[in-house]
Amino acid sequence: MKIVAVCGSPRKGNSEWMLTKLCEELSRRGAEVEMLLLRKMDVQMCRGCLTCEKGGKKRKGDCVIKDDMLDVYPRLIAADAIVLATPGYMEMLSGLLKNFLDRTCAVWPRLEGKRLAGLAVAEEGIGQTIMNLKWYAKLCQMRWMGSVAILAKNPADAARIPGLENRLKRLARKIISG
């Protein structure tokens, strides 16, 4: 099973820690996992030119923007599952992850049927963060596998939450078993 795990945090903190733990468990269970750290990638804003929509549902994944997404599209298409991790900013997705999701317009019809899971971390409230991820799954006709959401502020806070690693292991099990 191939899994692409995407971290939408602008810093090395709790979202990345959770995603790393989840990826370790997925790998332990036999999955081939690739983690993408959006903060280290060149993912430009969508220009809304609609070039990527040519071909309708059979679109190739062409985008006029020449950035790291050109290498990401084939990985998303080849994946059996995708995991999205984000800090909750203003009780929504991080700007990095939202921009990434916007840029998947070039391939979203080809994500249909893939498994999707989410991780979210917020300081005071998750708000609509998980709902945003679920809505993306519905839009792309992906299979929602579940989520783990926590409240944590400072980097390394997540590592001190009792039972969190077990929750991540349960989510890994669900992603693998489908």
C-alpha atoms as a PDB file:
ATOM      1  CA  MET A   1       0.000   0.000   0.000  1.00  0.00           C
ATOM      2  CA  LYS A   2       1.328   3.456  -0.970  1.00  0.00           C
ATOM      3  CA  ILE A   3       0.535   6.390   1.303  1.00  0.00           C
ATOM      4  CA  VAL A   4       1.315  10.065   0.834  1.00  0.00           C
ATOM      5  CA  ALA A   5       1.339  12.009   4.106  1.00  0.00           C
ATOM      6  CA  VAL A   6       1.191  15.805   3.834  1.00  0.00           C
ATOM      7  CA  CYS A   7       2.103  18.161   6.667  1.00  0.00           C
ATOM      8  CA  GLY A   8       0.604  21.636   6.356  1.00  0.00           C
ATOM      9  CA  SER A   9       2.399  23.239   9.283  1.00  0.00           C
ATOM     10  CA  PRO A  10       4.785  26.146   8.749  1.00  0.00           C
ATOM     11  CA  ARG A  11       6.933  24.928  11.677  1.00  0.00           C
ATOM     12  CA  LYS A  12       8.301  21.686  13.043  1.00  0.00           C
ATOM     13  CA  GLY A  13       5.780  21.154  15.810  1.00  0.00           C
ATOM     14  CA  ASN A  14       2.863  19.059  16.958  1.00  0.00           C
ATOM     15  CA  SER A  15       1.265  18.431  13.542  1.00  0.00           C
ATOM     16  CA  GLU A  16       4.524  17.072  12.174  1.00  0.00           C
ATOM     17  CA  TRP A  17       5.167  15.032  15.334  1.00  0.00           C
ATOM     18  CA  MET A  18       1.731  13.390  15.059  1.00  0.00           C
ATOM     19  CA  LEU A  19       2.162  12.747  11.343  1.00  0.00           C
ATOM     20  CA  THR A  20       5.615  11.243  11.920  1.00  0.00           C
ATOM     21  CA  LYS A  21       4.254   8.871  14.593  1.00  0.00           C
ATOM     22  CA  LEU A  22       1.377   7.869  12.315  1.00  0.00           C
ATOM     23  CA  CYS A  23       3.761   7.292   9.389  1.00  0.00           C
ATOM     24  CA  GLU A  24       6.032   5.158  11.570  1.00  0.00           C
ATOM     25  CA  GLU A  25       3.063   2.953  12.473  1.00  0.00           C
ATOM     26  CA  LEU A  26       1.874   2.759   8.867  1.00  0.00           C
ATOM     27  CA  SER A  27       5.382   1.720   7.790  1.00  0.00           C
ATOM     28  CA  ARG A  28       5.533  -0.838  10.595  1.00  0.00           C
ATOM     29  CA  ARG A  29       2.329  -2.310   9.177  1.00  0.00           C
ATOM     30  CA  GLY A  30       3.905  -2.687   5.732  1.00  0.00           C
ATOM     31  CA  ALA A  31       2.868   0.506   3.956  1.00  0.00           C
ATOM     32  CA  GLU A  32       5.224   2.444   1.707  1.00  0.00           C
ATOM     33  CA  VAL A  33       4.928   5.956   3.157  1.00  0.00           C
ATOM     34  CA  GLU A  34       6.179   9.253   1.796  1.00  0.00           C
ATOM     35  CA  MET A  35       5.906  12.390   3.911  1.00  0.00           C
ATOM     36  CA  LEU A  36       5.721  15.817   2.286  1.00  0.00           C
ATOM     37  CA  LEU A  37       6.536  18.866   4.409  1.00  0.00           C
ATOM     38  CA  LEU A  38       4.817  21.767   2.682  1.00  0.00           C
ATOM     39  CA  ARG A  39       6.945  24.301   4.570  1.00  0.00           C
ATOM     40  CA  LYS A  40       9.984  22.979   2.676  1.00  0.00           C
ATOM     41  CA  MET A  41       8.291  22.925  -0.718  1.00  0.00           C
ATOM     42  CA  ASP A  42       7.610  25.478  -3.430  1.00  0.00           C
ATOM     43  CA  VAL A  43       3.833  25.332  -3.815  1.00  0.00           C
ATOM     44  CA  GLN A  44       2.602  28.547  -5.378  1.00  0.00           C
ATOM     45  CA  MET A  45      -0.919  29.899  -5.151  1.00  0.00           C
ATOM     46  CA  CYS A  46      -3.490  28.728  -7.709  1.00  0.00           C
ATOM     47  CA  ARG A  47      -4.034  31.412 -10.348  1.00  0.00           C
ATOM     48  CA  GLY A  48      -7.552  30.310 -11.219  1.00  0.00           C
ATOM     49  CA  CYS A  49      -6.741  30.084 -14.931  1.00  0.00           C
ATOM     50  CA  LEU A  50      -8.724  26.815 -15.310  1.00  0.00           C
ATOM     51  CA  THR A  51      -6.098  25.281 -17.625  1.00  0.00           C
ATOM     52  CA  CYS A  52      -5.956  22.232 -15.333  1.00  0.00           C
ATOM     53  CA  GLU A  53      -9.652  21.520 -15.896  1.00  0.00           C
ATOM     54  CA  LYS A  54      -9.187  20.655 -19.565  1.00  0.00           C
ATOM     55  CA  GLY A  55     -10.168  17.043 -20.072  1.00  0.00           C
ATOM     56  CA  GLY A  56     -12.851  17.036 -17.390  1.00  0.00           C
ATOM     57  CA  LYS A  57     -12.759  13.988 -15.130  1.00  0.00           C
ATOM     58  CA  LYS A  58     -10.001  12.437 -17.261  1.00  0.00           C
ATOM     59  CA  ARG A  59      -7.704  15.449 -16.858  1.00  0.00           C
ATOM     60  CA  LYS A  60      -4.001  14.679 -16.946  1.00  0.00           C
ATOM     61  CA  GLY A  61      -2.885  16.852 -14.055  1.00  0.00           C
ATOM     62  CA  ASP A  62      -1.461  19.635 -16.177  1.00  0.00           C
ATOM     63  CA  CYS A  63      -0.853  22.951 -14.447  1.00  0.00           C
ATOM     64  CA  VAL A  64       0.717  26.084 -15.888  1.00  0.00           C
ATOM     65  CA  ILE A  65       2.526  26.742 -12.607  1.00  0.00           C
ATOM     66  CA  LYS A  66       5.960  25.155 -12.639  1.00  0.00           C
ATOM     67  CA  ASP A  67       6.650  24.321  -8.999  1.00  0.00           C
ATOM     68  CA  ASP A  68       6.920  21.263  -6.750  1.00  0.00           C
ATOM     69  CA  MET A  69       3.305  20.254  -7.383  1.00  0.00           C
ATOM     70  CA  LEU A  70       4.331  18.903 -10.782  1.00  0.00           C
ATOM     71  CA  ASP A  71       6.225  16.148  -8.919  1.00  0.00           C
ATOM     72  CA  VAL A  72       3.455  15.712  -6.347  1.00  0.00           C
ATOM     73  CA  TYR A  73       0.579  15.037  -8.755  1.00  0.00           C
ATOM     74  CA  PRO A  74       1.846  11.614  -9.924  1.00  0.00           C
ATOM     75  CA  ARG A  75       2.504  10.625  -6.298  1.00  0.00           C
ATOM     76  CA  LEU A  76      -1.064  11.487  -5.291  1.00  0.00           C
ATOM     77  CA  ILE A  77      -2.450   9.564  -8.261  1.00  0.00           C
ATOM     78  CA  ALA A  78      -0.301   6.509  -7.442  1.00  0.00           C
ATOM     79  CA  ALA A  79      -1.195   6.564  -3.731  1.00  0.00           C
ATOM     80  CA  ASP A  80      -3.764   4.255  -2.189  1.00  0.00           C
ATOM     81  CA  ALA A  81      -4.234   6.626   0.731  1.00  0.00           C
ATOM     82  CA  ILE A  82      -3.483  10.228   1.656  1.00  0.00           C
ATOM     83  CA  VAL A  83      -3.072  11.642   5.142  1.00  0.00           C
ATOM     84  CA  LEU A  84      -3.383  15.380   5.711  1.00  0.00           C
ATOM     85  CA  ALA A  85      -2.031  17.003   8.876  1.00  0.00           C
ATOM     86  CA  THR A  86      -2.648  20.615   9.805  1.00  0.00           C
ATOM     87  CA  PRO A  87      -2.564  23.022  12.663  1.00  0.00           C
ATOM     88  CA  GLY A  88      -5.931  24.689  13.175  1.00  0.00           C
ATOM     89  CA  TYR A  89      -5.589  28.403  12.513  1.00  0.00           C
ATOM     90  CA  MET A  90      -8.666  30.465  13.298  1.00  0.00           C
ATOM     91  CA  GLU A  91     -10.395  27.054  13.661  1.00  0.00           C
ATOM     92  CA  MET A  92      -9.723  26.210  10.003  1.00  0.00           C
ATOM     93  CA  LEU A  93      -6.938  24.638   7.925  1.00  0.00           C
ATOM     94  CA  SER A  94      -3.518  26.239   7.760  1.00  0.00           C
ATOM     95  CA  GLY A  95      -2.941  28.419   4.720  1.00  0.00           C
ATOM     96  CA  LEU A  96      -0.226  26.029   3.535  1.00  0.00           C
ATOM     97  CA  LEU A  97      -2.597  23.061   3.482  1.00  0.00           C
ATOM     98  CA  LYS A  98      -5.503  25.016   2.011  1.00  0.00           C
ATOM     99  CA  ASN A  99      -3.264  26.212  -0.816  1.00  0.00           C
ATOM    100  CA  PHE A 100      -2.071  22.629  -1.387  1.00  0.00           C
ATOM    101  CA  LEU A 101      -5.675  21.385  -1.578  1.00  0.00           C
ATOM    102  CA  ASP A 102      -6.571  24.162  -4.024  1.00  0.00           C
ATOM    103  CA  ARG A 103      -3.682  23.078  -6.224  1.00  0.00           C
ATOM    104  CA  THR A 104      -4.986  19.485  -6.342  1.00  0.00           C
ATOM    105  CA  CYS A 105      -7.709  20.772  -8.669  1.00  0.00           C
ATOM    106  CA  ALA A 106      -5.481  19.476 -11.474  1.00  0.00           C
ATOM    107  CA  VAL A 107      -5.975  15.872 -10.303  1.00  0.00           C
ATOM    108  CA  TRP A 108      -8.896  15.732  -7.879  1.00  0.00           C
ATOM    109  CA  PRO A 109     -11.160  13.581 -10.106  1.00  0.00           C
ATOM    110  CA  ARG A 110      -8.366  10.977 -10.139  1.00  0.00           C
ATOM    111  CA  LEU A 111      -8.351  10.813  -6.321  1.00  0.00           C
ATOM    112  CA  GLU A 112     -11.792   9.211  -6.293  1.00  0.00           C
ATOM    113  CA  GLY A 113     -11.955   6.060  -4.167  1.00  0.00           C
ATOM    114  CA  LYS A 114      -8.646   6.679  -2.383  1.00  0.00           C
ATOM    115  CA  ARG A 115      -8.546   6.634   1.404  1.00  0.00           C
ATOM    116  CA  LEU A 116      -8.146   9.931   3.251  1.00  0.00           C
ATOM    117  CA  ALA A 117      -7.420  10.573   6.920  1.00  0.00           C
ATOM    118  CA  GLY A 118      -6.709  13.757   8.840  1.00  0.00           C
ATOM    119  CA  LEU A 119      -4.748  15.050  11.796  1.00  0.00           C
ATOM    120  CA  ALA A 120      -5.386  18.416  13.425  1.00  0.00           C
ATOM    121  CA  VAL A 121      -3.811  20.358  16.267  1.00  0.00           C
ATOM    122  CA  ALA A 122      -5.118  23.615  17.716  1.00  0.00           C
ATOM    123  CA  GLU A 123      -4.363  25.771  20.691  1.00  0.00           C
ATOM    124  CA  GLU A 124      -7.911  26.386  21.899  1.00  0.00           C
ATOM    125  CA  GLY A 125     -10.406  24.794  19.512  1.00  0.00           C
ATOM    126  CA  ILE A 126     -10.402  22.562  16.446  1.00  0.00           C
ATOM    127  CA  GLY A 127     -13.459  24.365  15.040  1.00  0.00           C
ATOM    128  CA  GLN A 128     -14.083  23.413  11.415  1.00  0.00           C
ATOM    129  CA  THR A 129     -10.609  22.014  10.759  1.00  0.00           C
ATOM    130  CA  ILE A 130     -11.636  18.341  10.617  1.00  0.00           C
ATOM    131  CA  MET A 131     -14.867  19.235   8.832  1.00  0.00           C
ATOM    132  CA  ASN A 132     -12.764  20.994   6.145  1.00  0.00           C
ATOM    133  CA  LEU A 133     -10.816  17.759   5.615  1.00  0.00           C
ATOM    134  CA  LYS A 134     -13.996  15.660   5.537  1.00  0.00           C
ATOM    135  CA  TRP A 135     -15.533  18.036   3.013  1.00  0.00           C
ATOM    136  CA  TYR A 136     -12.447  17.701   0.794  1.00  0.00           C
ATOM    137  CA  ALA A 137     -12.839  13.913   0.967  1.00  0.00           C
ATOM    138  CA  LYS A 138     -16.488  14.204  -0.040  1.00  0.00           C
ATOM    139  CA  LEU A 139     -15.725  16.617  -2.880  1.00  0.00           C
ATOM    140  CA  CYS A 140     -13.078  14.259  -4.280  1.00  0.00           C
ATOM    141  CA  GLN A 141     -15.248  11.187  -3.582  1.00  0.00           C
ATOM    142  CA  MET A 142     -12.534   9.756  -1.374  1.00  0.00           C
ATOM    143  CA  ARG A 143     -13.162   7.338   1.500  1.00  0.00           C
ATOM    144  CA  TRP A 144     -12.866   9.107   4.867  1.00  0.00           C
ATOM    145  CA  MET A 145     -10.906   6.888   7.255  1.00  0.00           C
ATOM    146  CA  GLY A 146     -11.095   9.117  10.311  1.00  0.00           C
ATOM    147  CA  SER A 147      -9.065  11.641  12.201  1.00  0.00           C
ATOM    148  CA  VAL A 148      -7.177  12.448  15.367  1.00  0.00           C
ATOM    149  CA  ALA A 149      -7.506  15.976  16.720  1.00  0.00           C
ATOM    150  CA  ILE A 150      -5.826  17.428  19.802  1.00  0.00           C
ATOM    151  CA  LEU A 151      -5.351  20.668  21.663  1.00  0.00           C
ATOM    152  CA  ALA A 152      -1.693  21.648  22.052  1.00  0.00           C
ATOM    153  CA  LYS A 153       0.163  24.941  21.817  1.00  0.00           C
ATOM    154  CA  ASN A 154       3.915  24.631  22.002  1.00  0.00           C
ATOM    155  CA  PRO A 155       6.062  22.267  19.922  1.00  0.00           C
ATOM    156  CA  ALA A 156       6.456  18.953  21.767  1.00  0.00           C
ATOM    157  CA  ASP A 157       3.184  19.374  23.726  1.00  0.00           C
ATOM    158  CA  ALA A 158       1.596  16.565  21.708  1.00  0.00           C
ATOM    159  CA  ALA A 159       4.274  14.109  22.809  1.00  0.00           C
ATOM    160  CA  ARG A 160       3.103  14.549  26.398  1.00  0.00           C
ATOM    161  CA  ILE A 161      -0.594  13.808  25.787  1.00  0.00           C
ATOM    162  CA  PRO A 162      -1.507  10.477  27.420  1.00  0.00           C
ATOM    163  CA  GLY A 163      -2.910   7.917  24.985  1.00  0.00           C
ATOM    164  CA  LEU A 164      -2.215   9.952  21.839  1.00  0.00           C
ATOM    165  CA  GLU A 165       0.176   7.425  20.334  1.00  0.00           C
ATOM    166  CA  ASN A 166      -2.470   4.709  20.804  1.00  0.00           C
ATOM    167  CA  ARG A 167      -5.053   6.869  19.020  1.00  0.00           C
ATOM    168  CA  LEU A 168      -2.609   7.296  16.131  1.00  0.00           C
ATOM    169  CA  LYS A 169      -1.994   3.539  16.026  1.00  0.00           C
ATOM    170  CA  ARG A 170      -5.757   2.929  15.824  1.00  0.00           C
ATOM    171  CA  LEU A 171      -6.028   5.377  12.936  1.00  0.00           C
ATOM    172  CA  ALA A 172      -3.118   3.645  11.168  1.00  0.00           C
ATOM    173  CA  ARG A 173      -4.878   0.314  11.571  1.00  0.00           C
ATOM    174  CA  LYS A 174      -8.049   1.789  10.040  1.00  0.00           C
ATOM    175  CA  ILE A 175      -6.171   3.333   7.109  1.00  0.00           C
ATOM    176  CA  ILE A 176      -4.454   0.012   6.337  1.00  0.00           C
ATOM    177  CA  SER A 177      -7.558  -2.141   6.707  1.00  0.00           C
ATOM    178  CA  GLY A 178      -9.752   0.269   4.767  1.00  0.00           C
END
